[in-house]
Amino acid sequence: MGMVINAAPIYIKGIKDPEAASNTCYWGAGCYAATFGISVALLVKERAMGRRDSLEDASDAYGQFGADGKQRLVANRAGAGG
């Protein structure tokens, strides 16, 4: 959109300041690209570190069950029943 606003602002209705509008478009696109790039980098980093067991990482989720509840949940996940 920024290029269209720069090249032919007559095609976009309601723009009072084409230069400011195109700068806003470029800024928004830059924020989107940065967010996408950071997301991809974090996914690659996590994959390189290896996947961790979600039950071991989510220690806060066992607060209401205590340590015994966590052991039972891990055993149930492993198929031991209980």
C-alpha atoms as a PDB file:
ATOM      1  CA  MET A   1       0.000   0.000   0.000  1.00  0.00           C
ATOM      2  CA  GLY A   2       2.834   2.345   0.773  1.00  0.00           C
ATOM      3  CA  MET A   3       4.120   2.123  -2.788  1.00  0.00           C
ATOM      4  CA  VAL A   4       0.648   2.707  -4.225  1.00  0.00           C
ATOM      5  CA  ILE A   5       0.181   5.741  -1.996  1.00  0.00           C
ATOM      6  CA  ASN A   6       3.564   7.116  -3.082  1.00  0.00           C
ATOM      7  CA  ALA A   7       3.041   6.409  -6.778  1.00  0.00           C
ATOM      8  CA  ALA A   8      -0.620   7.332  -7.235  1.00  0.00           C
ATOM      9  CA  PRO A   9      -2.352   8.705  -4.126  1.00  0.00           C
ATOM     10  CA  ILE A  10      -5.353   9.612  -6.272  1.00  0.00           C
ATOM     11  CA  TYR A  11      -6.417   5.931  -6.296  1.00  0.00           C
ATOM     12  CA  ILE A  12      -6.749   5.783  -2.489  1.00  0.00           C
ATOM     13  CA  LYS A  13      -9.760   7.700  -1.233  1.00  0.00           C
ATOM     14  CA  GLY A  14      -9.552   9.909   1.852  1.00  0.00           C
ATOM     15  CA  ILE A  15      -5.785  10.412   2.170  1.00  0.00           C
ATOM     16  CA  LYS A  16      -4.895  13.948   3.165  1.00  0.00           C
ATOM     17  CA  ASP A  17      -1.126  13.524   3.552  1.00  0.00           C
ATOM     18  CA  PRO A  18       0.192  10.805   1.175  1.00  0.00           C
ATOM     19  CA  GLU A  19       3.740  10.924   2.531  1.00  0.00           C
ATOM     20  CA  ALA A  20       2.644  10.384   6.147  1.00  0.00           C
ATOM     21  CA  ALA A  21       0.221   7.647   5.084  1.00  0.00           C
ATOM     22  CA  SER A  22       2.882   5.772   3.127  1.00  0.00           C
ATOM     23  CA  ASN A  23       5.342   6.064   6.029  1.00  0.00           C
ATOM     24  CA  THR A  24       2.710   4.575   8.326  1.00  0.00           C
ATOM     25  CA  CYS A  25       2.216   1.683   5.888  1.00  0.00           C
ATOM     26  CA  TYR A  26       5.945   0.994   5.753  1.00  0.00           C
ATOM     27  CA  TRP A  27       6.209   1.178   9.553  1.00  0.00           C
ATOM     28  CA  GLY A  28       3.348  -1.306   9.934  1.00  0.00           C
ATOM     29  CA  ALA A  29       4.914  -3.665   7.407  1.00  0.00           C
ATOM     30  CA  GLY A  30       8.227  -3.414   9.249  1.00  0.00           C
ATOM     31  CA  CYS A  31       6.573  -4.290  12.570  1.00  0.00           C
ATOM     32  CA  TYR A  32       4.851  -7.266  10.942  1.00  0.00           C
ATOM     33  CA  ALA A  33       8.127  -8.466   9.400  1.00  0.00           C
ATOM     34  CA  ALA A  34       9.984  -8.078  12.707  1.00  0.00           C
ATOM     35  CA  THR A  35       7.312 -10.018  14.600  1.00  0.00           C
ATOM     36  CA  PHE A  36       7.326 -12.762  11.986  1.00  0.00           C
ATOM     37  CA  GLY A  37      11.134 -12.940  12.005  1.00  0.00           C
ATOM     38  CA  ILE A  38      11.312 -13.156  15.806  1.00  0.00           C
ATOM     39  CA  SER A  39       8.649 -15.884  15.811  1.00  0.00           C
ATOM     40  CA  VAL A  40      10.532 -17.954  13.246  1.00  0.00           C
ATOM     41  CA  ALA A  41      13.830 -17.459  15.104  1.00  0.00           C
ATOM     42  CA  LEU A  42      12.283 -18.640  18.373  1.00  0.00           C
ATOM     43  CA  LEU A  43      10.757 -21.687  16.675  1.00  0.00           C
ATOM     44  CA  VAL A  44      14.117 -22.587  15.131  1.00  0.00           C
ATOM     45  CA  LYS A  45      15.875 -22.082  18.463  1.00  0.00           C
ATOM     46  CA  GLU A  46      13.377 -24.292  20.296  1.00  0.00           C
ATOM     47  CA  ARG A  47      13.662 -27.002  17.675  1.00  0.00           C
ATOM     48  CA  ALA A  48      17.481 -26.879  17.905  1.00  0.00           C
ATOM     49  CA  MET A  49      17.297 -27.272  21.695  1.00  0.00           C
ATOM     50  CA  GLY A  50      15.115 -30.336  21.304  1.00  0.00           C
ATOM     51  CA  ARG A  51      11.567 -30.834  22.405  1.00  0.00           C
ATOM     52  CA  ARG A  52      10.991 -31.049  26.133  1.00  0.00           C
ATOM     53  CA  ASP A  53       8.253 -33.034  27.799  1.00  0.00           C
ATOM     54  CA  SER A  54       5.341 -30.682  28.374  1.00  0.00           C
ATOM     55  CA  LEU A  55       4.569 -32.302  31.735  1.00  0.00           C
ATOM     56  CA  GLU A  56       8.056 -31.601  33.037  1.00  0.00           C
ATOM     57  CA  ASP A  57       8.034 -27.981  31.871  1.00  0.00           C
ATOM     58  CA  ALA A  58       4.612 -27.076  33.209  1.00  0.00           C
ATOM     59  CA  SER A  59       5.400 -27.349  36.921  1.00  0.00           C
ATOM     60  CA  ASP A  60       2.927 -24.581  37.797  1.00  0.00           C
ATOM     61  CA  ALA A  61       0.070 -26.631  36.403  1.00  0.00           C
ATOM     62  CA  TYR A  62       0.416 -29.149  39.242  1.00  0.00           C
ATOM     63  CA  GLY A  63      -0.045 -26.678  42.095  1.00  0.00           C
ATOM     64  CA  GLN A  64      -3.488 -27.989  42.997  1.00  0.00           C
ATOM     65  CA  PHE A  65      -2.394 -31.651  42.874  1.00  0.00           C
ATOM     66  CA  GLY A  66       0.936 -31.405  44.690  1.00  0.00           C
ATOM     67  CA  ALA A  67       3.960 -33.600  43.977  1.00  0.00           C
ATOM     68  CA  ASP A  68       1.943 -36.835  44.282  1.00  0.00           C
ATOM     69  CA  GLY A  69      -0.556 -35.577  41.720  1.00  0.00           C
ATOM     70  CA  LYS A  70       2.255 -34.769  39.316  1.00  0.00           C
ATOM     71  CA  GLN A  71       3.658 -38.299  39.643  1.00  0.00           C
ATOM     72  CA  ARG A  72       0.222 -39.788  38.985  1.00  0.00           C
ATOM     73  CA  LEU A  73      -0.287 -37.596  35.931  1.00  0.00           C
ATOM     74  CA  VAL A  74       3.128 -38.538  34.533  1.00  0.00           C
ATOM     75  CA  ALA A  75       2.393 -42.230  35.183  1.00  0.00           C
ATOM     76  CA  ASN A  76      -1.008 -41.940  33.471  1.00  0.00           C
ATOM     77  CA  ARG A  77       0.589 -40.238  30.494  1.00  0.00           C
ATOM     78  CA  ALA A  78       3.097 -43.101  30.273  1.00  0.00           C
ATOM     79  CA  GLY A  79       0.263 -45.644  30.292  1.00  0.00           C
ATOM     80  CA  ALA A  80       0.869 -47.068  33.750  1.00  0.00           C
ATOM     81  CA  GLY A  81      -2.637 -46.222  34.934  1.00  0.00           C
ATOM     82  CA  GLY A  82      -3.302 -45.592  38.535  1.00  0.00           C
END
